[in-house]
């Protein structure tokens, strides 16, 4: 069987896919008699410092999906950590130090592939306030722009074929002990070193939300210049049919949970027909505060703050972070007869959180702003470096606004829990009744 071309191999590298040098595949003889389904512990091969995929703190989307598998098997998870560069498969899966690689491009020949668990695409990134408004590589404005791209990857060829010649190359290098060139390419767009970049979608979507200026991320459709869409599967050793069948069944059954995790990390998802999934067309981050339509789709992140998951919120709470629920007080129902006593339902939220209602509007009254400032100062003890997690419900701009205000006021460790109370419940956590911090604002 022939080895993959350099373009596909490069796509695998940037997709977090595993590759090796000259060692070749694991043979049937070395695979062992067992068919691979873990019995006592799920041993995962992963990179310790390669967000958004994985890291030693378990903060990557591959960490979270691996945990879903371990939970399904009802066994603990353990990791064999190694930089995901040449020799990765040989030294981990091939050496039988672990049993599963979470991300590998379909067609990669050094491992047996599961069915794909997502399909993604390269994405175009540019500053939201720039003249560029391109939706694909045929836009004439891109011919005048300086565009960053990882050398020897599919978009490098696509840009040249589209007559886009002002290319800024970044070295193809996935050894995270050295650098992360794709992350740097995104940062260079934000700081004006380049006008745009074309980067593998999961990396583009994740790091674009972590810049100090708003960036627009455009998942690119397939085009005549080069292949840009790739399917990503899980990798296991050859001759482990039961393990492969189990994983395929898991992927199909838990696909909604997997795609929810991927969407949280800004991974652009592509349908089987090549169209971009609607959830991947992220709402752009505004320059100011959201002034209306507070219950509607939100951006993937907030510049100056970290977007966190339910698992991360749980860990932060244990470490002593401040959790702030900013859901408004429920409005009094209209049409109540005069003299009728109305008692709102108890407000259920994350245990240990503090409730500051009505401080997430785009424009605050003097009373609301004073209430917010005073309580934030009191609850942090005046320490602006204390981790503070803001949340309300899913698709709630009020938590985004409140977190942005804290960033604007100089708080340096702001977290935004985008999924809010609903996401906390979906993760299997219980709720507790909260009362507003005094003095309550109505």
Protein backbone atom coordinates (compact mmCIF):
# COMPACT_ATOMS: atom_id res chain seq x y z
CA UNK A 1 0.00 0.00 0.00
CA UNK A 2 1.44 3.38 -0.91
CA UNK A 3 2.20 6.01 1.66
CA UNK A 4 0.10 9.23 1.69
CA UNK A 5 1.18 12.18 -0.40
CA UNK A 6 2.97 15.07 1.29
CA UNK A 7 -0.19 17.18 1.11
CA UNK A 8 -2.34 14.61 2.86
CA UNK A 9 0.46 13.85 5.32
CA UNK A 10 0.73 17.55 6.14
CA UNK A 11 -3.01 17.75 6.67
CA UNK A 12 -2.75 14.84 9.08
CA UNK A 13 -0.05 16.59 11.05
CA UNK A 14 -2.04 19.79 11.40
CA UNK A 15 -5.21 17.91 12.20
CA UNK A 16 -3.52 16.38 15.21
CA UNK A 17 -3.10 13.14 13.29
CA UNK A 18 -0.34 10.73 14.25
CA UNK A 19 2.55 9.92 11.92
CA UNK A 20 5.78 7.95 12.16
CA UNK A 21 9.11 7.80 10.42
CA UNK A 22 10.34 4.67 8.71
CA UNK A 23 9.13 2.05 11.23
CA UNK A 24 6.05 1.04 9.25
CA UNK A 25 2.80 -0.40 10.56
CA UNK A 26 2.28 -2.74 13.47
CA UNK A 27 2.15 -6.27 12.08
CA UNK A 28 -0.54 -8.84 12.84
CA UNK A 29 2.06 -10.91 14.65
CA UNK A 30 2.89 -8.12 17.08
CA UNK A 31 -0.73 -7.11 17.62
CA UNK A 32 -1.31 -9.98 20.02
CA UNK A 33 -4.09 -12.48 20.26
CA UNK A 34 -6.53 -10.17 21.97
CA UNK A 35 -8.87 -8.04 19.94
CA UNK A 36 -8.19 -4.86 21.82
CA UNK A 37 -11.24 -3.80 23.86
CA UNK A 38 -9.79 -2.35 27.09
CA UNK A 39 -10.86 -4.25 30.19
CA UNK A 40 -9.27 -2.43 33.14
CA UNK A 41 -8.13 0.99 31.94
CA UNK A 42 -8.48 3.03 28.75
CA UNK A 43 -4.91 3.81 27.70
CA UNK A 44 -4.80 6.80 25.35
CA UNK A 45 -1.81 7.99 23.31
CA UNK A 46 -1.77 11.81 23.26
CA UNK A 47 0.32 14.96 23.05
CA UNK A 48 0.78 16.70 26.44
CA UNK A 49 0.77 20.22 24.98
CA UNK A 50 -1.29 20.43 21.82
CA UNK A 51 -4.47 22.40 22.41
CA UNK A 52 -7.18 22.38 21.20
CA UNK A 53 -6.65 18.61 20.90
CA UNK A 54 -5.08 17.54 24.19
CA UNK A 55 -2.90 18.53 27.10
CA UNK A 56 -1.85 17.11 30.45
CA UNK A 57 -4.62 19.05 32.23
CA UNK A 58 -7.29 17.33 30.14
CA UNK A 59 -8.45 20.60 28.56
CA UNK A 60 -8.56 19.53 24.90
CA UNK A 61 -11.56 18.24 22.98
CA UNK A 62 -9.82 14.91 22.42
CA UNK A 63 -9.38 14.61 26.20
CA UNK A 64 -13.09 15.14 26.67
CA UNK A 65 -14.14 12.67 23.97
CA UNK A 66 -11.71 10.08 25.37
CA UNK A 67 -13.38 10.56 28.75
CA UNK A 68 -16.75 9.81 27.14
CA UNK A 69 -15.31 6.50 25.94
CA UNK A 70 -13.87 5.65 29.36
CA UNK A 71 -17.18 6.48 31.03
CA UNK A 72 -19.01 4.25 28.55
CA UNK A 73 -16.62 1.37 29.31
CA UNK A 74 -16.89 2.14 33.06
CA UNK A 75 -13.12 2.10 33.46
CA UNK A 76 -10.56 4.78 34.36
CA UNK A 77 -8.48 6.58 31.76
CA UNK A 78 -4.70 6.90 31.62
CA UNK A 79 -2.42 8.66 29.14
CA UNK A 80 0.87 7.92 27.46
CA UNK A 81 2.20 11.38 26.64
CA UNK A 82 4.46 12.02 23.67
CA UNK A 83 4.89 14.93 21.22
CA UNK A 84 2.76 14.17 18.18
CA UNK A 85 5.52 14.27 15.61
CA UNK A 86 7.46 11.73 13.55
CA UNK A 87 7.75 8.46 15.45
CA UNK A 88 4.65 9.07 17.56
CA UNK A 89 2.79 5.88 16.55
CA UNK A 90 5.90 3.71 16.67
CA UNK A 91 6.75 4.84 20.20
CA UNK A 92 3.23 4.73 21.66
CA UNK A 93 0.56 2.59 19.98
CA UNK A 94 3.13 0.45 18.18
CA UNK A 95 5.06 -0.16 21.39
CA UNK A 96 1.80 -1.25 23.07
CA UNK A 97 2.12 1.49 25.68
CA UNK A 98 -1.44 2.62 24.89
CA UNK A 99 -4.44 1.44 22.90
CA UNK A 100 -6.08 4.45 21.23
CA UNK A 101 -5.06 7.54 19.25
CA UNK A 102 -7.91 10.05 19.33
CA UNK A 103 -7.23 11.95 16.09
CA UNK A 104 -5.98 10.59 12.78
CA UNK A 105 -6.95 11.48 9.23
CA UNK A 106 -8.97 8.82 7.44
CA UNK A 107 -6.68 7.05 4.98
CA UNK A 108 -3.62 7.26 7.22
CA UNK A 109 -1.93 3.89 6.72
CA UNK A 110 0.05 3.45 9.91
CA UNK A 111 -2.96 2.56 12.04
CA UNK A 112 -6.34 0.92 11.63
CA UNK A 113 -8.97 3.68 11.40
CA UNK A 114 -12.32 3.75 13.10
CA UNK A 115 -15.22 5.34 11.26
CA UNK A 116 -14.75 9.14 11.17
CA UNK A 117 -16.15 11.00 14.14
CA UNK A 118 -15.94 14.40 12.49
CA UNK A 119 -15.21 16.06 9.18
CA UNK A 120 -13.62 19.49 9.15
CA UNK A 121 -12.03 21.96 6.76
CA UNK A 122 -9.34 24.57 6.50
CA UNK A 123 -10.52 28.04 7.48
CA UNK A 124 -9.75 31.59 6.40
CA UNK A 125 -9.09 34.04 9.26
CA UNK A 126 -8.98 37.83 9.05
CA UNK A 127 -9.53 40.79 11.36
CA UNK A 128 -13.22 41.54 11.61
CA UNK A 129 -12.64 45.29 11.12
CA UNK A 130 -10.45 44.82 8.02
CA UNK A 131 -11.63 45.48 4.44
CA UNK A 132 -11.54 41.74 3.76
CA UNK A 133 -14.97 40.10 3.79
CA UNK A 134 -14.09 37.00 1.78
CA UNK A 135 -16.13 33.80 1.94
CA UNK A 136 -13.77 31.71 -0.19
CA UNK A 137 -10.37 31.92 -1.86
CA UNK A 138 -11.74 33.41 -5.09
CA UNK A 139 -12.29 36.84 -3.51
CA UNK A 140 -10.19 39.42 -5.46
CA UNK A 141 -9.22 41.30 -2.28
CA UNK A 142 -7.17 38.31 -1.14
CA UNK A 143 -4.78 38.83 -4.08
CA UNK A 144 -3.60 42.04 -2.46
CA UNK A 145 -3.37 40.62 1.05
CA UNK A 146 -0.45 39.09 2.94
CA UNK A 147 -1.73 35.64 3.90
CA UNK A 148 -0.14 33.26 6.37
CA UNK A 149 -0.16 29.53 5.67
CA UNK A 150 1.70 26.47 6.92
CA UNK A 151 4.08 25.39 4.19
CA UNK A 152 3.41 22.11 2.35
CA UNK A 153 -0.22 21.99 3.42
CA UNK A 154 -3.18 21.87 1.00
CA UNK A 155 -4.06 25.59 1.24
CA UNK A 156 -0.49 26.55 0.34
CA UNK A 157 -1.06 25.04 -3.09
CA UNK A 158 -4.61 26.36 -3.27
CA UNK A 159 -3.50 29.96 -2.67
CA UNK A 160 -0.97 29.82 -5.49
CA UNK A 161 -3.50 28.31 -7.88
CA UNK A 162 -5.92 31.10 -6.95
CA UNK A 163 -3.24 33.66 -7.97
CA UNK A 164 -2.72 34.74 -4.35
CA UNK A 165 1.01 35.33 -4.27
CA UNK A 166 1.77 37.34 -1.12
CA UNK A 167 2.13 34.25 1.02
CA UNK A 168 3.82 34.29 4.44
CA UNK A 169 4.99 30.71 5.11
CA UNK A 170 5.17 29.08 8.53
CA UNK A 171 7.29 26.01 9.11
CA UNK A 172 5.51 22.68 9.20
CA UNK A 173 6.36 21.54 12.72
CA UNK A 174 4.14 19.77 15.22
CA UNK A 175 6.74 19.07 17.92
CA UNK A 176 5.14 21.09 20.71
CA UNK A 177 8.39 21.10 22.67
CA UNK A 178 9.59 23.62 20.08
CA UNK A 179 6.66 25.78 18.91
CA UNK A 180 3.14 25.82 17.52
CA UNK A 181 3.38 27.57 14.12
CA UNK A 182 -0.36 27.39 13.36
CA UNK A 183 -1.18 29.14 16.64
CA UNK A 184 1.44 31.79 15.79
CA UNK A 185 -0.12 32.29 12.35
CA UNK A 186 -3.45 33.12 14.01
CA UNK A 187 -1.78 35.51 16.46
CA UNK A 188 0.02 37.28 13.61
CA UNK A 189 -3.31 38.04 11.94
CA UNK A 190 -4.56 39.58 15.18
CA UNK A 191 -1.46 41.74 15.70
CA UNK A 192 -1.33 42.92 12.08
CA UNK A 193 1.77 41.05 10.96
CA UNK A 194 -0.39 39.49 8.24
CA UNK A 195 -3.76 40.39 6.75
CA UNK A 196 -5.21 36.88 6.86
CA UNK A 197 -4.31 33.22 7.26
CA UNK A 198 -5.59 29.87 6.05
CA UNK A 199 -5.24 27.32 8.86
CA UNK A 200 -6.70 23.90 9.69
CA UNK A 201 -10.17 24.62 11.08
CA UNK A 202 -9.96 23.18 14.62
CA UNK A 203 -6.83 25.24 15.30
CA UNK A 204 -8.24 28.35 13.61
CA UNK A 205 -11.56 28.24 15.47
CA UNK A 206 -9.95 27.68 18.86
CA UNK A 207 -7.18 30.28 18.80
CA UNK A 208 -9.15 32.98 16.98
CA UNK A 209 -11.32 33.46 20.07
CA UNK A 210 -8.26 33.91 22.27
CA UNK A 211 -6.90 37.04 20.57
CA UNK A 212 -7.23 40.62 21.81
CA UNK A 213 -8.96 41.82 18.64
CA UNK A 214 -12.01 40.21 17.00
CA UNK A 215 -11.22 37.81 14.18
CA UNK A 216 -13.60 36.39 11.60
CA UNK A 217 -13.24 32.67 10.93
CA UNK A 218 -14.63 31.41 7.60
CA UNK A 219 -14.74 27.61 7.13
CA UNK A 220 -13.80 27.13 3.49
CA UNK A 221 -15.84 25.09 1.03
CA UNK A 222 -14.19 22.59 -1.25
CA UNK A 223 -12.89 24.24 -4.42
CA UNK A 224 -11.13 23.53 -7.68
CA UNK A 225 -7.74 24.59 -6.31
CA UNK A 226 -7.09 21.87 -3.69
CA UNK A 227 -8.79 19.47 -1.32
CA UNK A 228 -9.57 21.25 1.96
CA UNK A 229 -12.02 18.89 3.74
CA UNK A 230 -10.75 15.92 5.75
CA UNK A 231 -12.42 13.22 7.83
CA UNK A 232 -10.90 12.49 11.23
CA UNK A 233 -11.13 9.08 12.89
CA UNK A 234 -9.61 7.26 15.87
CA UNK A 235 -6.54 5.08 15.41
CA UNK A 236 -5.97 1.60 16.83
CA UNK A 237 -3.67 -1.33 16.10
CA UNK A 238 -4.42 -3.69 13.18
CA UNK A 239 -6.25 -6.97 13.82
CA UNK A 240 -8.39 -5.65 16.68
CA UNK A 241 -11.82 -6.02 15.04
CA UNK A 242 -13.86 -6.05 18.26
CA UNK A 243 -12.27 -2.80 19.43
CA UNK A 244 -12.90 -1.22 16.05
CA UNK A 245 -16.55 -2.36 15.99
CA UNK A 246 -17.07 -1.10 19.53
CA UNK A 247 -15.63 2.32 18.66
CA UNK A 248 -17.71 2.57 15.48
CA UNK A 249 -20.89 1.82 17.41
CA UNK A 250 -19.92 4.34 20.10
CA UNK A 251 -19.22 7.06 17.52
CA UNK A 252 -22.58 6.59 15.85
CA UNK A 253 -24.56 6.47 19.09
CA UNK A 254 -22.79 9.35 20.80
CA UNK A 255 -22.36 11.57 17.75
CA UNK A 256 -24.57 14.38 19.18
CA UNK A 257 -22.41 14.50 22.33
CA UNK A 258 -19.21 14.43 20.28
CA UNK A 259 -20.38 17.22 17.98
CA UNK A 260 -21.50 19.31 20.96
CA UNK A 261 -17.97 19.10 22.39
CA UNK A 262 -16.39 19.94 19.03
CA UNK A 263 -18.67 22.95 18.60
CA UNK A 264 -17.71 24.23 22.06
CA UNK A 265 -14.10 24.33 20.89
CA UNK A 266 -14.91 26.19 17.68
CA UNK A 267 -14.23 23.20 15.40
CA UNK A 268 -15.88 23.86 12.01
CA UNK A 269 -17.90 20.79 11.08
CA UNK A 270 -18.70 19.71 7.53
CA UNK A 271 -21.70 17.67 6.42
CA UNK A 272 -21.30 14.57 4.24
CA UNK A 273 -22.42 16.61 1.21
CA UNK A 274 -19.61 19.13 1.76
CA UNK A 275 -21.76 21.91 3.21
CA UNK A 276 -20.72 23.60 6.45
CA UNK A 277 -22.85 22.72 9.46
CA UNK A 278 -24.86 25.71 10.65
CA UNK A 279 -23.46 25.47 14.18
CA UNK A 280 -19.96 26.02 12.77
CA UNK A 281 -20.89 29.41 11.31
CA UNK A 282 -20.05 31.20 14.55
CA UNK A 283 -21.64 34.46 15.57
CA UNK A 284 -18.98 37.19 15.20
CA UNK A 285 -17.75 38.82 18.38
CA UNK A 286 -18.93 42.45 18.53
CA UNK A 287 -16.62 45.34 19.38
CA UNK A 288 -18.93 46.60 22.14
CA UNK A 289 -21.63 45.12 24.35
CA UNK A 290 -24.67 43.27 23.09
CA UNK A 291 -27.63 45.66 23.50
CA UNK A 292 -30.62 43.41 22.74
CA UNK A 293 -31.63 39.87 21.79
CA UNK A 294 -29.91 38.54 24.88
CA UNK A 295 -31.28 35.00 24.44
CA UNK A 296 -29.75 34.10 21.08
CA UNK A 297 -26.64 32.36 19.69
CA UNK A 298 -23.42 33.75 21.13
CA UNK A 299 -19.82 33.94 19.85
CA UNK A 300 -17.50 31.00 20.40
CA UNK A 301 -15.41 33.07 22.80
CA UNK A 302 -14.60 36.42 24.35
CA UNK A 303 -11.26 38.11 23.72
CA UNK A 304 -9.42 38.78 26.94
CA UNK A 305 -11.22 35.88 28.66
CA UNK A 306 -11.04 32.10 28.62
CA UNK A 307 -14.08 30.16 27.43
CA UNK A 308 -14.47 27.18 29.76
CA UNK A 309 -16.38 23.91 29.82
CA UNK A 310 -18.41 22.33 32.63
CA UNK A 311 -15.46 20.10 33.53
CA UNK A 312 -13.17 23.11 33.75
CA UNK A 313 -15.71 25.01 35.88
CA UNK A 314 -15.84 22.09 38.28
CA UNK A 315 -12.05 22.11 38.59
CA UNK A 316 -11.92 25.90 38.98
CA UNK A 317 -14.53 25.78 41.75
CA UNK A 318 -12.43 23.25 43.65
CA UNK A 319 -9.44 25.56 43.26
CA UNK A 320 -11.36 28.46 44.83
CA UNK A 321 -12.50 30.40 41.76
CA UNK A 322 -15.42 32.81 42.10
CA UNK A 323 -18.54 31.65 40.21
CA UNK A 324 -20.97 34.44 39.23
CA UNK A 325 -24.47 33.73 37.93
CA UNK A 326 -25.82 36.82 36.13
CA UNK A 327 -29.25 35.53 35.11
CA UNK A 328 -31.85 38.32 35.51
CA UNK A 329 -34.60 38.26 38.10
CA UNK A 330 -37.72 36.68 36.57
CA UNK A 331 -40.25 39.32 35.49
CA UNK A 332 -43.52 39.62 37.36
CA UNK A 333 -46.32 38.08 35.26
CA UNK A 334 -48.63 40.54 33.55
CA UNK A 335 -52.34 40.68 34.40
CA UNK A 336 -52.11 39.82 38.08
CA UNK A 337 -55.03 41.17 40.07
CA UNK A 338 -54.25 44.07 42.36
CA UNK A 339 -53.10 42.85 45.73
CA UNK A 340 -52.09 39.42 44.45
CA UNK A 341 -48.92 38.20 46.11
CA UNK A 342 -46.41 36.86 43.60
CA UNK A 343 -43.53 34.66 44.70
CA UNK A 344 -41.06 33.71 41.92
CA UNK A 345 -39.85 30.14 41.65
CA UNK A 346 -36.59 29.33 43.44
CA UNK A 347 -33.55 30.04 41.29
CA UNK A 348 -31.49 26.87 40.78
CA UNK A 349 -27.86 27.30 39.76
CA UNK A 350 -24.35 25.92 40.19
CA UNK A 351 -23.65 25.09 43.85
CA UNK A 352 -21.32 27.59 45.49
CA UNK A 353 -22.00 30.32 42.95
CA UNK A 354 -23.09 33.87 43.76
CA UNK A 355 -26.09 35.39 41.99
CA UNK A 356 -25.77 38.95 40.68
CA UNK A 357 -29.00 39.44 38.71
CA UNK A 358 -29.56 42.11 36.08
CA UNK A 359 -25.92 43.09 35.57
CA UNK A 360 -25.58 41.60 32.06
CA UNK A 361 -27.50 44.20 30.05
CA UNK A 362 -25.64 46.06 27.34
CA UNK A 363 -26.30 49.39 29.04
CA UNK A 364 -26.38 49.43 32.85
CA UNK A 365 -28.05 52.03 35.04
CA UNK A 366 -25.85 53.76 37.61
CA UNK A 367 -27.46 51.61 40.29
CA UNK A 368 -26.83 48.37 38.40
CA UNK A 369 -23.22 49.26 37.64
CA UNK A 370 -22.60 50.23 41.27
CA UNK A 371 -24.12 46.95 42.44
CA UNK A 372 -21.94 45.00 40.01
CA UNK A 373 -18.70 46.83 40.84
CA UNK A 374 -19.22 46.69 44.60
CA UNK A 375 -20.05 42.99 44.71
CA UNK A 376 -17.25 42.06 42.32
CA UNK A 377 -14.77 43.97 44.47
CA UNK A 378 -16.13 42.40 47.66
CA UNK A 379 -16.31 38.81 46.41
CA UNK A 380 -12.79 38.89 44.93
CA UNK A 381 -11.38 40.58 48.02
CA UNK A 382 -10.01 43.27 45.73
CA UNK A 383 -7.78 40.73 43.96
CA UNK A 384 -8.17 41.38 40.22
CA UNK A 385 -6.13 38.30 39.39
CA UNK A 386 -8.59 35.94 41.09
CA UNK A 387 -10.29 33.56 38.65
CA UNK A 388 -13.89 34.66 38.06
CA UNK A 389 -16.34 32.52 36.08
CA UNK A 390 -19.39 34.26 34.56
CA UNK A 391 -22.42 32.30 33.38
CA UNK A 392 -26.21 32.27 33.00
CA UNK A 393 -28.02 30.01 30.52
CA UNK A 394 -26.86 28.60 27.16
CA UNK A 395 -27.05 31.19 24.36
CA UNK A 396 -27.09 33.98 26.95
CA UNK A 397 -25.45 37.25 25.95
CA UNK A 398 -25.83 38.59 29.50
CA UNK A 399 -23.00 36.40 30.77
CA UNK A 400 -20.90 37.47 27.77
CA UNK A 401 -21.59 41.15 28.53
CA UNK A 402 -20.82 40.74 32.23
CA UNK A 403 -17.56 38.90 31.52
CA UNK A 404 -16.57 41.57 28.98
CA UNK A 405 -17.22 44.32 31.55
CA UNK A 406 -14.99 42.58 34.05
CA UNK A 407 -12.25 42.39 31.41
CA UNK A 408 -12.74 46.07 30.58
CA UNK A 409 -12.49 46.94 34.30
CA UNK A 410 -9.07 45.32 34.52
CA UNK A 411 -9.84 41.87 35.91
CA UNK A 412 -7.14 39.66 34.47
CA UNK A 413 -8.41 36.12 35.01
CA UNK A 414 -11.93 36.15 33.62
CA UNK A 415 -13.61 32.92 32.51
CA UNK A 416 -16.80 32.65 30.46
CA UNK A 417 -18.90 29.51 30.87
CA UNK A 418 -20.78 29.72 27.60
CA UNK A 419 -22.98 26.66 28.26
CA UNK A 420 -24.16 28.01 31.60
CA UNK A 421 -26.61 26.29 33.91
CA UNK A 422 -27.96 24.06 31.14
CA UNK A 423 -24.48 22.85 30.25
CA UNK A 424 -23.73 22.19 33.91
CA UNK A 425 -26.83 19.98 34.19
CA UNK A 426 -26.06 18.18 30.91
CA UNK A 427 -22.63 17.28 32.31
CA UNK A 428 -24.41 15.39 35.11
CA UNK A 429 -23.99 17.93 37.90
CA UNK A 430 -26.64 18.89 40.45
CA UNK A 431 -28.06 22.36 41.06
CA UNK A 432 -28.62 24.33 44.24
CA UNK A 433 -30.96 27.19 45.14
CA UNK A 434 -29.38 30.66 45.07
CA UNK A 435 -30.54 33.99 46.41
CA UNK A 436 -29.37 37.33 45.00
CA UNK A 437 -26.44 39.04 46.60
CA UNK A 438 -27.57 42.10 48.53
CA UNK A 439 -28.53 44.71 47.72
CA UNK A 440 -30.69 43.07 45.03
CA UNK A 441 -31.45 45.06 41.89
CA UNK A 442 -34.98 44.89 40.45
